[in-house]
Amino acid sequence: MRGIAGNHGADGKARREDEGLPLGARIGGMLQLQMSPLIRAQANGSLIAMPRDADTLILAVSQIKLNLAGGLYRYYLAKGDDDAKEKFLQLYADKDGKVAEIMYCTQLARVIPETAEDQDAYTGRSGFGLGDQTYTLWREQLDDVGLSEDELATVFGDSDRLDYVRDAGDRNATFVAPFKGTETRIDDAGGVQGLKQEMYFMPYVRELAAGGSEYLLITTEIISSVNGDNSKRGIHVDFVIGIPVEQERVVIQ
């Protein structure tokens, strides 16, 4: 994947900018995912949102370059630009390009850090905040994310909180600086439409009631350009739920 460019090859033909992605993904491709891991996770109290029947078309792809070995890729089934409800398949490929981890991810919420103090906390610049040893979601925080009372009861049971632990660095450390890097997302094969943004990223995880893991991916995104327009800037923090899936459960055509 080369990025937002719209370049042409030596023969004058438009060059695809979404070539060479793991699992042969491309914009306009069809993604089929076996549902059993998601059904099982949701039944055991996960906050993951189930895909709709229409959520099979890859609308955009991105490469995330962070300060870690290997690379992260996201294949978007819903971009969330208008409703903050992203859905994507996230893949981690090791330094040799081999897919080592796949998650199906759905956005839970988006917040705007309006003060300098909030922005410092959500980027870890203060030495606390994003990168702390644990993160807690409170039931009252999720009153407006579209979950029914029955769904909230399945997730929380008799508790009013969900506790996650940091899934990076030394788990005994009180703080680990978040991963930092950039995401380049392209929305068409020619790489004309898309966005670029700076990212501060930290994964957290909790064990579900009957086994299995649910990830809470917290990402502060500082938009630097949209469709090549550098005047379109902004900052927000995305809270995304991820459920691991085995590679053999994913088919991309």
C-alpha atoms as a PDB file:
ATOM      1  CA  MET A   1       0.000   0.000   0.000  1.00  0.00           C
ATOM      2  CA  ARG A   2       1.473   3.312  -1.106  1.00  0.00           C
ATOM      3  CA  GLY A   3      -0.940   5.927   0.218  1.00  0.00           C
ATOM      4  CA  ILE A   4      -2.830   8.984  -0.980  1.00  0.00           C
ATOM      5  CA  ALA A   5      -1.271   9.716  -4.344  1.00  0.00           C
ATOM      6  CA  GLY A   6      -3.220   9.024  -7.511  1.00  0.00           C
ATOM      7  CA  ASN A   7       0.016   8.171  -9.342  1.00  0.00           C
ATOM      8  CA  HIS A   8       0.289   6.643 -12.793  1.00  0.00           C
ATOM      9  CA  GLY A   9       2.574   3.884 -13.936  1.00  0.00           C
ATOM     10  CA  ALA A  10       5.054   4.004 -16.786  1.00  0.00           C
ATOM     11  CA  ASP A  11       2.338   2.883 -19.215  1.00  0.00           C
ATOM     12  CA  GLY A  12       0.179   5.891 -18.304  1.00  0.00           C
ATOM     13  CA  LYS A  13      -2.504   3.792 -16.647  1.00  0.00           C
ATOM     14  CA  ALA A  14      -3.804   4.677 -13.201  1.00  0.00           C
ATOM     15  CA  ARG A  15      -1.990   2.645 -10.573  1.00  0.00           C
ATOM     16  CA  ARG A  16      -3.838   0.992  -7.709  1.00  0.00           C
ATOM     17  CA  GLU A  17      -2.657   2.320  -4.373  1.00  0.00           C
ATOM     18  CA  ASP A  18      -4.106  -0.596  -2.389  1.00  0.00           C
ATOM     19  CA  GLU A  19      -1.800  -3.327  -3.686  1.00  0.00           C
ATOM     20  CA  GLY A  20       0.251  -5.725  -1.584  1.00  0.00           C
ATOM     21  CA  LEU A  21      -2.007  -5.824   1.473  1.00  0.00           C
ATOM     22  CA  PRO A  22      -2.140  -8.851   3.808  1.00  0.00           C
ATOM     23  CA  LEU A  23      -4.671 -11.541   2.846  1.00  0.00           C
ATOM     24  CA  GLY A  24      -4.960  -9.971  -0.609  1.00  0.00           C
ATOM     25  CA  ALA A  25      -7.368  -7.264   0.535  1.00  0.00           C
ATOM     26  CA  ARG A  26      -8.331  -4.383  -1.749  1.00  0.00           C
ATOM     27  CA  ILE A  27     -10.920  -1.626  -1.828  1.00  0.00           C
ATOM     28  CA  GLY A  28     -14.138  -3.031  -3.247  1.00  0.00           C
ATOM     29  CA  GLY A  29     -13.249  -6.548  -2.141  1.00  0.00           C
ATOM     30  CA  MET A  30     -15.669  -8.720  -0.209  1.00  0.00           C
ATOM     31  CA  LEU A  31     -14.876  -9.750   3.355  1.00  0.00           C
ATOM     32  CA  GLN A  32     -16.613 -12.773   4.827  1.00  0.00           C
ATOM     33  CA  LEU A  33     -16.231 -13.534   8.514  1.00  0.00           C
ATOM     34  CA  GLN A  34     -17.464 -16.568  10.418  1.00  0.00           C
ATOM     35  CA  MET A  35     -19.734 -15.211  13.113  1.00  0.00           C
ATOM     36  CA  SER A  36     -19.313 -17.812  15.853  1.00  0.00           C
ATOM     37  CA  PRO A  37     -16.494 -16.002  17.773  1.00  0.00           C
ATOM     38  CA  LEU A  38     -18.548 -12.790  17.829  1.00  0.00           C
ATOM     39  CA  ILE A  39     -21.791 -14.521  18.818  1.00  0.00           C
ATOM     40  CA  ARG A  40     -19.979 -16.334  21.622  1.00  0.00           C
ATOM     41  CA  ALA A  41     -18.294 -13.141  22.827  1.00  0.00           C
ATOM     42  CA  GLN A  42     -21.528 -11.144  22.813  1.00  0.00           C
ATOM     43  CA  ALA A  43     -23.355 -13.887  24.715  1.00  0.00           C
ATOM     44  CA  ASN A  44     -20.601 -13.737  27.343  1.00  0.00           C
ATOM     45  CA  GLY A  45     -20.983 -10.003  27.908  1.00  0.00           C
ATOM     46  CA  SER A  46     -18.859  -8.383  25.207  1.00  0.00           C
ATOM     47  CA  LEU A  47     -19.628  -4.878  23.979  1.00  0.00           C
ATOM     48  CA  ILE A  48     -18.849  -5.895  20.382  1.00  0.00           C
ATOM     49  CA  ALA A  49     -21.502  -4.912  17.821  1.00  0.00           C
ATOM     50  CA  MET A  50     -22.503  -7.644  15.402  1.00  0.00           C
ATOM     51  CA  PRO A  51     -21.925  -6.994  11.689  1.00  0.00           C
ATOM     52  CA  ARG A  52     -24.973  -6.343   9.547  1.00  0.00           C
ATOM     53  CA  ASP A  53     -25.620  -8.444   6.457  1.00  0.00           C
ATOM     54  CA  ALA A  54     -24.453  -5.472   4.375  1.00  0.00           C
ATOM     55  CA  ASP A  55     -21.127  -5.173   6.232  1.00  0.00           C
ATOM     56  CA  THR A  56     -19.091  -7.203   3.748  1.00  0.00           C
ATOM     57  CA  LEU A  57     -17.708  -4.605   1.316  1.00  0.00           C
ATOM     58  CA  ILE A  58     -14.251  -3.180   2.035  1.00  0.00           C
ATOM     59  CA  LEU A  59     -14.845   0.579   1.740  1.00  0.00           C
ATOM     60  CA  ALA A  60     -11.364   1.769   2.727  1.00  0.00           C
ATOM     61  CA  VAL A  61      -8.005   0.406   3.824  1.00  0.00           C
ATOM     62  CA  SER A  62      -5.323   1.898   6.006  1.00  0.00           C
ATOM     63  CA  GLN A  63      -1.797   1.261   7.138  1.00  0.00           C
ATOM     64  CA  ILE A  64      -0.794   2.357  10.621  1.00  0.00           C
ATOM     65  CA  LYS A  65       2.885   2.965  11.214  1.00  0.00           C
ATOM     66  CA  LEU A  66       3.675   2.855  14.920  1.00  0.00           C
ATOM     67  CA  ASN A  67       6.858   2.649  16.955  1.00  0.00           C
ATOM     68  CA  LEU A  68       6.706  -1.149  17.084  1.00  0.00           C
ATOM     69  CA  ALA A  69       8.056  -4.010  15.000  1.00  0.00           C
ATOM     70  CA  GLY A  70       5.762  -5.054  12.167  1.00  0.00           C
ATOM     71  CA  GLY A  71       2.719  -3.097  11.050  1.00  0.00           C
ATOM     72  CA  LEU A  72      -0.999  -2.622  11.623  1.00  0.00           C
ATOM     73  CA  TYR A  73      -3.604  -2.623   8.864  1.00  0.00           C
ATOM     74  CA  ARG A  74      -7.301  -1.832   8.997  1.00  0.00           C
ATOM     75  CA  TYR A  75      -9.910  -2.897   6.442  1.00  0.00           C
ATOM     76  CA  TYR A  76     -12.948  -0.676   6.925  1.00  0.00           C
ATOM     77  CA  LEU A  77     -16.482  -2.015   6.490  1.00  0.00           C
ATOM     78  CA  ALA A  78     -17.858   1.264   7.879  1.00  0.00           C
ATOM     79  CA  LYS A  79     -15.675   4.381   7.994  1.00  0.00           C
ATOM     80  CA  GLY A  80     -17.612   6.197  10.712  1.00  0.00           C
ATOM     81  CA  ASP A  81     -16.860   9.650   9.301  1.00  0.00           C
ATOM     82  CA  ASP A  82     -20.452  10.810   9.777  1.00  0.00           C
ATOM     83  CA  ASP A  83     -21.778   8.698  12.662  1.00  0.00           C
ATOM     84  CA  ALA A  84     -18.596   7.705  14.591  1.00  0.00           C
ATOM     85  CA  LYS A  85     -19.501   4.027  14.195  1.00  0.00           C
ATOM     86  CA  GLU A  86     -16.448   2.504  12.563  1.00  0.00           C
ATOM     87  CA  LYS A  87     -16.312  -1.216  11.803  1.00  0.00           C
ATOM     88  CA  PHE A  88     -13.086  -2.743  10.607  1.00  0.00           C
ATOM     89  CA  LEU A  89     -10.882  -5.791  10.561  1.00  0.00           C
ATOM     90  CA  GLN A  90      -7.524  -5.023  12.179  1.00  0.00           C
ATOM     91  CA  LEU A  91      -4.490  -7.108  11.277  1.00  0.00           C
ATOM     92  CA  TYR A  92      -1.042  -7.127  12.823  1.00  0.00           C
ATOM     93  CA  ALA A  93       1.726  -8.367  10.533  1.00  0.00           C
ATOM     94  CA  ASP A  94       5.167  -9.108  11.972  1.00  0.00           C
ATOM     95  CA  LYS A  95       8.420  -7.692  10.606  1.00  0.00           C
ATOM     96  CA  ASP A  96       8.487 -10.478   7.990  1.00  0.00           C
ATOM     97  CA  GLY A  97       4.990  -9.583   6.770  1.00  0.00           C
ATOM     98  CA  LYS A  98       3.301 -12.651   8.268  1.00  0.00           C
ATOM     99  CA  VAL A  99      -0.161 -12.067   9.761  1.00  0.00           C
ATOM    100  CA  ALA A 100       0.146 -12.731  13.489  1.00  0.00           C
ATOM    101  CA  GLU A 101      -3.132 -11.339  14.866  1.00  0.00           C
ATOM    102  CA  ILE A 102      -6.591 -10.455  13.545  1.00  0.00           C
ATOM    103  CA  MET A 103      -9.395  -8.649  15.364  1.00  0.00           C
ATOM    104  CA  TYR A 104     -12.890  -7.685  14.355  1.00  0.00           C
ATOM    105  CA  CYS A 105     -13.477  -4.199  15.761  1.00  0.00           C
ATOM    106  CA  THR A 106     -16.475  -1.919  16.285  1.00  0.00           C
ATOM    107  CA  GLN A 107     -16.449   1.616  17.612  1.00  0.00           C
ATOM    108  CA  LEU A 108     -18.054   2.113  21.000  1.00  0.00           C
ATOM    109  CA  ALA A 109     -17.747   5.874  21.441  1.00  0.00           C
ATOM    110  CA  ARG A 110     -15.884   9.007  20.377  1.00  0.00           C
ATOM    111  CA  VAL A 111     -15.015  11.919  22.659  1.00  0.00           C
ATOM    112  CA  ILE A 112     -13.449  15.306  21.973  1.00  0.00           C
ATOM    113  CA  PRO A 113     -10.665  16.291  24.413  1.00  0.00           C
ATOM    114  CA  GLU A 114     -11.433  20.000  24.627  1.00  0.00           C
ATOM    115  CA  THR A 115      -8.859  21.219  27.151  1.00  0.00           C
ATOM    116  CA  ALA A 116      -5.070  21.130  26.987  1.00  0.00           C
ATOM    117  CA  GLU A 117      -5.078  18.964  30.114  1.00  0.00           C
ATOM    118  CA  ASP A 118      -7.403  16.423  28.489  1.00  0.00           C
ATOM    119  CA  GLN A 119      -5.292  16.346  25.338  1.00  0.00           C
ATOM    120  CA  ASP A 120      -2.115  15.785  27.359  1.00  0.00           C
ATOM    121  CA  ALA A 121      -3.786  12.925  29.250  1.00  0.00           C
ATOM    122  CA  TYR A 122      -5.106  11.225  26.109  1.00  0.00           C
ATOM    123  CA  THR A 123      -1.695  11.420  24.420  1.00  0.00           C
ATOM    124  CA  GLY A 124       0.226  10.322  27.515  1.00  0.00           C
ATOM    125  CA  ARG A 125       2.329  13.485  27.478  1.00  0.00           C
ATOM    126  CA  SER A 126       1.518  14.089  31.143  1.00  0.00           C
ATOM    127  CA  GLY A 127       2.942  10.735  32.204  1.00  0.00           C
ATOM    128  CA  PHE A 128      -0.538   9.457  33.046  1.00  0.00           C
ATOM    129  CA  GLY A 129      -3.860   8.885  31.308  1.00  0.00           C
ATOM    130  CA  LEU A 130      -3.528   6.872  28.111  1.00  0.00           C
ATOM    131  CA  GLY A 131      -0.951   4.269  29.110  1.00  0.00           C
ATOM    132  CA  ASP A 132      -2.085   3.836  32.711  1.00  0.00           C
ATOM    133  CA  GLN A 133      -2.018   0.311  34.109  1.00  0.00           C
ATOM    134  CA  THR A 134      -5.814  -0.076  34.012  1.00  0.00           C
ATOM    135  CA  TYR A 135      -8.839   1.558  32.417  1.00  0.00           C
ATOM    136  CA  THR A 136     -12.419   1.430  33.717  1.00  0.00           C
ATOM    137  CA  LEU A 137     -15.633   1.838  31.754  1.00  0.00           C
ATOM    138  CA  TRP A 138     -18.566   2.810  33.976  1.00  0.00           C
ATOM    139  CA  ARG A 139     -22.117   1.767  33.179  1.00  0.00           C
ATOM    140  CA  GLU A 140     -23.352   5.357  33.326  1.00  0.00           C
ATOM    141  CA  GLN A 141     -20.850   6.282  30.589  1.00  0.00           C
ATOM    142  CA  LEU A 142     -22.606   3.921  28.172  1.00  0.00           C
ATOM    143  CA  ASP A 143     -26.149   5.206  28.605  1.00  0.00           C
ATOM    144  CA  ASP A 144     -26.042   6.980  25.234  1.00  0.00           C
ATOM    145  CA  VAL A 145     -24.166   4.492  23.023  1.00  0.00           C
ATOM    146  CA  GLY A 146     -27.298   2.720  21.800  1.00  0.00           C
ATOM    147  CA  LEU A 147     -27.370  -0.339  24.082  1.00  0.00           C
ATOM    148  CA  SER A 148     -30.688  -1.551  25.489  1.00  0.00           C
ATOM    149  CA  GLU A 149     -31.217  -2.242  29.185  1.00  0.00           C
ATOM    150  CA  ASP A 150     -31.120  -5.983  28.471  1.00  0.00           C
ATOM    151  CA  GLU A 151     -27.819  -5.611  26.619  1.00  0.00           C
ATOM    152  CA  LEU A 152     -26.347  -3.524  29.436  1.00  0.00           C
ATOM    153  CA  ALA A 153     -27.484  -6.167  31.925  1.00  0.00           C
ATOM    154  CA  THR A 154     -25.718  -8.877  29.901  1.00  0.00           C
ATOM    155  CA  VAL A 155     -22.523  -6.820  29.783  1.00  0.00           C
ATOM    156  CA  PHE A 156     -22.403  -5.549  33.377  1.00  0.00           C
ATOM    157  CA  GLY A 157     -24.414  -8.103  35.353  1.00  0.00           C
ATOM    158  CA  ASP A 158     -24.676  -6.819  38.925  1.00  0.00           C
ATOM    159  CA  SER A 159     -21.634  -4.557  38.562  1.00  0.00           C
ATOM    160  CA  ASP A 160     -21.474  -0.917  37.527  1.00  0.00           C
ATOM    161  CA  ARG A 161     -17.994  -1.112  35.965  1.00  0.00           C
ATOM    162  CA  LEU A 162     -15.797  -2.985  33.499  1.00  0.00           C
ATOM    163  CA  ASP A 163     -12.101  -3.117  34.350  1.00  0.00           C
ATOM    164  CA  TYR A 164      -9.466  -3.538  31.649  1.00  0.00           C
ATOM    165  CA  VAL A 165      -5.713  -3.981  32.045  1.00  0.00           C
ATOM    166  CA  ARG A 166      -3.081  -2.548  29.724  1.00  0.00           C
ATOM    167  CA  ASP A 167      -1.935  -5.054  27.083  1.00  0.00           C
ATOM    168  CA  ALA A 168       1.493  -3.547  26.420  1.00  0.00           C
ATOM    169  CA  GLY A 169       4.762  -3.206  28.277  1.00  0.00           C
ATOM    170  CA  ASP A 170       5.329  -4.395  31.830  1.00  0.00           C
ATOM    171  CA  ARG A 171       1.892  -4.983  33.359  1.00  0.00           C
ATOM    172  CA  ASN A 172       3.312  -4.086  36.778  1.00  0.00           C
ATOM    173  CA  ALA A 173       4.384  -0.628  35.577  1.00  0.00           C
ATOM    174  CA  THR A 174       1.984   2.117  36.611  1.00  0.00           C
ATOM    175  CA  PHE A 175       2.414   3.846  33.243  1.00  0.00           C
ATOM    176  CA  VAL A 176       3.723   2.910  29.797  1.00  0.00           C
ATOM    177  CA  ALA A 177       3.863   5.563  27.083  1.00  0.00           C
ATOM    178  CA  PRO A 178       1.302   4.852  24.343  1.00  0.00           C
ATOM    179  CA  PHE A 179       2.361   3.789  20.879  1.00  0.00           C
ATOM    180  CA  LYS A 180       2.736   6.747  18.543  1.00  0.00           C
ATOM    181  CA  GLY A 181       2.572   6.860  14.774  1.00  0.00           C
ATOM    182  CA  THR A 182       0.515   7.761  11.723  1.00  0.00           C
ATOM    183  CA  GLU A 183      -2.436   6.276   9.879  1.00  0.00           C
ATOM    184  CA  THR A 184      -2.903   6.709   6.147  1.00  0.00           C
ATOM    185  CA  ARG A 185      -6.383   5.682   5.010  1.00  0.00           C
ATOM    186  CA  ILE A 186      -7.332   5.532   1.346  1.00  0.00           C
ATOM    187  CA  ASP A 187     -10.966   5.415   0.273  1.00  0.00           C
ATOM    188  CA  ASP A 188     -10.542   4.616  -3.421  1.00  0.00           C
ATOM    189  CA  ALA A 189      -8.179   2.423  -5.406  1.00  0.00           C
ATOM    190  CA  GLY A 190      -6.428   5.434  -6.948  1.00  0.00           C
ATOM    191  CA  GLY A 191      -5.615   6.901  -3.542  1.00  0.00           C
ATOM    192  CA  VAL A 192      -7.287  10.246  -4.290  1.00  0.00           C
ATOM    193  CA  GLN A 193      -9.756  10.185  -1.388  1.00  0.00           C
ATOM    194  CA  GLY A 194      -8.801   9.435   2.199  1.00  0.00           C
ATOM    195  CA  LEU A 195      -7.184  10.920   5.262  1.00  0.00           C
ATOM    196  CA  LYS A 196      -3.949  11.133   7.191  1.00  0.00           C
ATOM    197  CA  GLN A 197      -3.714  11.442  10.943  1.00  0.00           C
ATOM    198  CA  GLU A 198      -1.311  11.223  13.839  1.00  0.00           C
ATOM    199  CA  MET A 199      -2.187   8.524  16.377  1.00  0.00           C
ATOM    200  CA  TYR A 200      -1.556   7.734  20.032  1.00  0.00           C
ATOM    201  CA  PHE A 201      -2.677   4.170  20.656  1.00  0.00           C
ATOM    202  CA  MET A 202      -2.961   1.792  23.608  1.00  0.00           C
ATOM    203  CA  PRO A 203      -4.732  -1.583  23.844  1.00  0.00           C
ATOM    204  CA  TYR A 204      -6.443  -2.745  27.029  1.00  0.00           C
ATOM    205  CA  VAL A 205      -8.004  -6.163  27.636  1.00  0.00           C
ATOM    206  CA  ARG A 206     -10.396  -7.991  29.960  1.00  0.00           C
ATOM    207  CA  GLU A 207     -11.469 -11.601  30.279  1.00  0.00           C
ATOM    208  CA  LEU A 208     -15.086 -12.391  29.420  1.00  0.00           C
ATOM    209  CA  ALA A 209     -17.350 -14.332  31.757  1.00  0.00           C
ATOM    210  CA  ALA A 210     -16.964 -17.758  30.114  1.00  0.00           C
ATOM    211  CA  GLY A 211     -13.446 -17.266  28.777  1.00  0.00           C
ATOM    212  CA  GLY A 212     -12.023 -15.426  25.813  1.00  0.00           C
ATOM    213  CA  SER A 213     -10.707 -11.881  25.634  1.00  0.00           C
ATOM    214  CA  GLU A 214     -12.263  -8.548  24.766  1.00  0.00           C
ATOM    215  CA  TYR A 215      -9.972  -5.678  23.813  1.00  0.00           C
ATOM    216  CA  LEU A 216     -10.581  -1.996  24.385  1.00  0.00           C
ATOM    217  CA  LEU A 217      -8.505  -0.054  21.860  1.00  0.00           C
ATOM    218  CA  ILE A 218      -8.150   3.604  22.831  1.00  0.00           C
ATOM    219  CA  THR A 219      -6.770   5.839  20.111  1.00  0.00           C
ATOM    220  CA  THR A 220      -6.246   9.580  20.084  1.00  0.00           C
ATOM    221  CA  GLU A 221      -6.371  10.726  16.468  1.00  0.00           C
ATOM    222  CA  ILE A 222      -5.109  14.115  15.290  1.00  0.00           C
ATOM    223  CA  ILE A 223      -6.287  14.623  11.711  1.00  0.00           C
ATOM    224  CA  SER A 224      -3.732  16.335   9.467  1.00  0.00           C
ATOM    225  CA  SER A 225      -5.556  16.180   6.112  1.00  0.00           C
ATOM    226  CA  VAL A 226      -8.759  14.908   4.487  1.00  0.00           C
ATOM    227  CA  ASN A 227      -8.785  14.159   0.750  1.00  0.00           C
ATOM    228  CA  GLY A 228      -5.486  16.025   0.490  1.00  0.00           C
ATOM    229  CA  ASP A 229      -6.895  19.177   2.123  1.00  0.00           C
ATOM    230  CA  ASN A 230      -4.529  20.205   4.935  1.00  0.00           C
ATOM    231  CA  SER A 231      -7.031  22.743   6.288  1.00  0.00           C
ATOM    232  CA  LYS A 232      -9.321  19.976   7.552  1.00  0.00           C
ATOM    233  CA  ARG A 233      -7.918  19.246  10.972  1.00  0.00           C
ATOM    234  CA  GLY A 234      -9.268  18.004  14.262  1.00  0.00           C
ATOM    235  CA  ILE A 235      -8.689  15.811  17.298  1.00  0.00           C
ATOM    236  CA  HIS A 236     -10.803  13.100  18.879  1.00  0.00           C
ATOM    237  CA  VAL A 237     -10.436   9.956  20.979  1.00  0.00           C
ATOM    238  CA  ASP A 238     -11.964   6.711  19.728  1.00  0.00           C
ATOM    239  CA  PHE A 239     -12.941   3.835  22.009  1.00  0.00           C
ATOM    240  CA  VAL A 240     -13.112   0.629  19.978  1.00  0.00           C
ATOM    241  CA  ILE A 241     -14.004  -2.919  21.035  1.00  0.00           C
ATOM    242  CA  GLY A 242     -12.041  -5.765  19.444  1.00  0.00           C
ATOM    243  CA  ILE A 243     -12.548  -9.539  19.439  1.00  0.00           C
ATOM    244  CA  PRO A 244      -9.728 -11.808  18.182  1.00  0.00           C
ATOM    245  CA  VAL A 245     -10.600 -14.124  15.293  1.00  0.00           C
ATOM    246  CA  GLU A 246      -8.563 -16.908  13.727  1.00  0.00           C
ATOM    247  CA  GLN A 247      -7.249 -16.340  10.214  1.00  0.00           C
ATOM    248  CA  GLU A 248      -9.087 -19.390   8.871  1.00  0.00           C
ATOM    249  CA  ARG A 249     -12.390 -17.707   9.799  1.00  0.00           C
ATOM    250  CA  VAL A 250     -11.688 -14.802   7.422  1.00  0.00           C
ATOM    251  CA  VAL A 251     -12.164 -14.947   3.643  1.00  0.00           C
ATOM    252  CA  ILE A 252     -11.417 -11.966   1.386  1.00  0.00           C
ATOM    253  CA  GLN A 253     -12.359 -12.061  -2.294  1.00  0.00           C
END
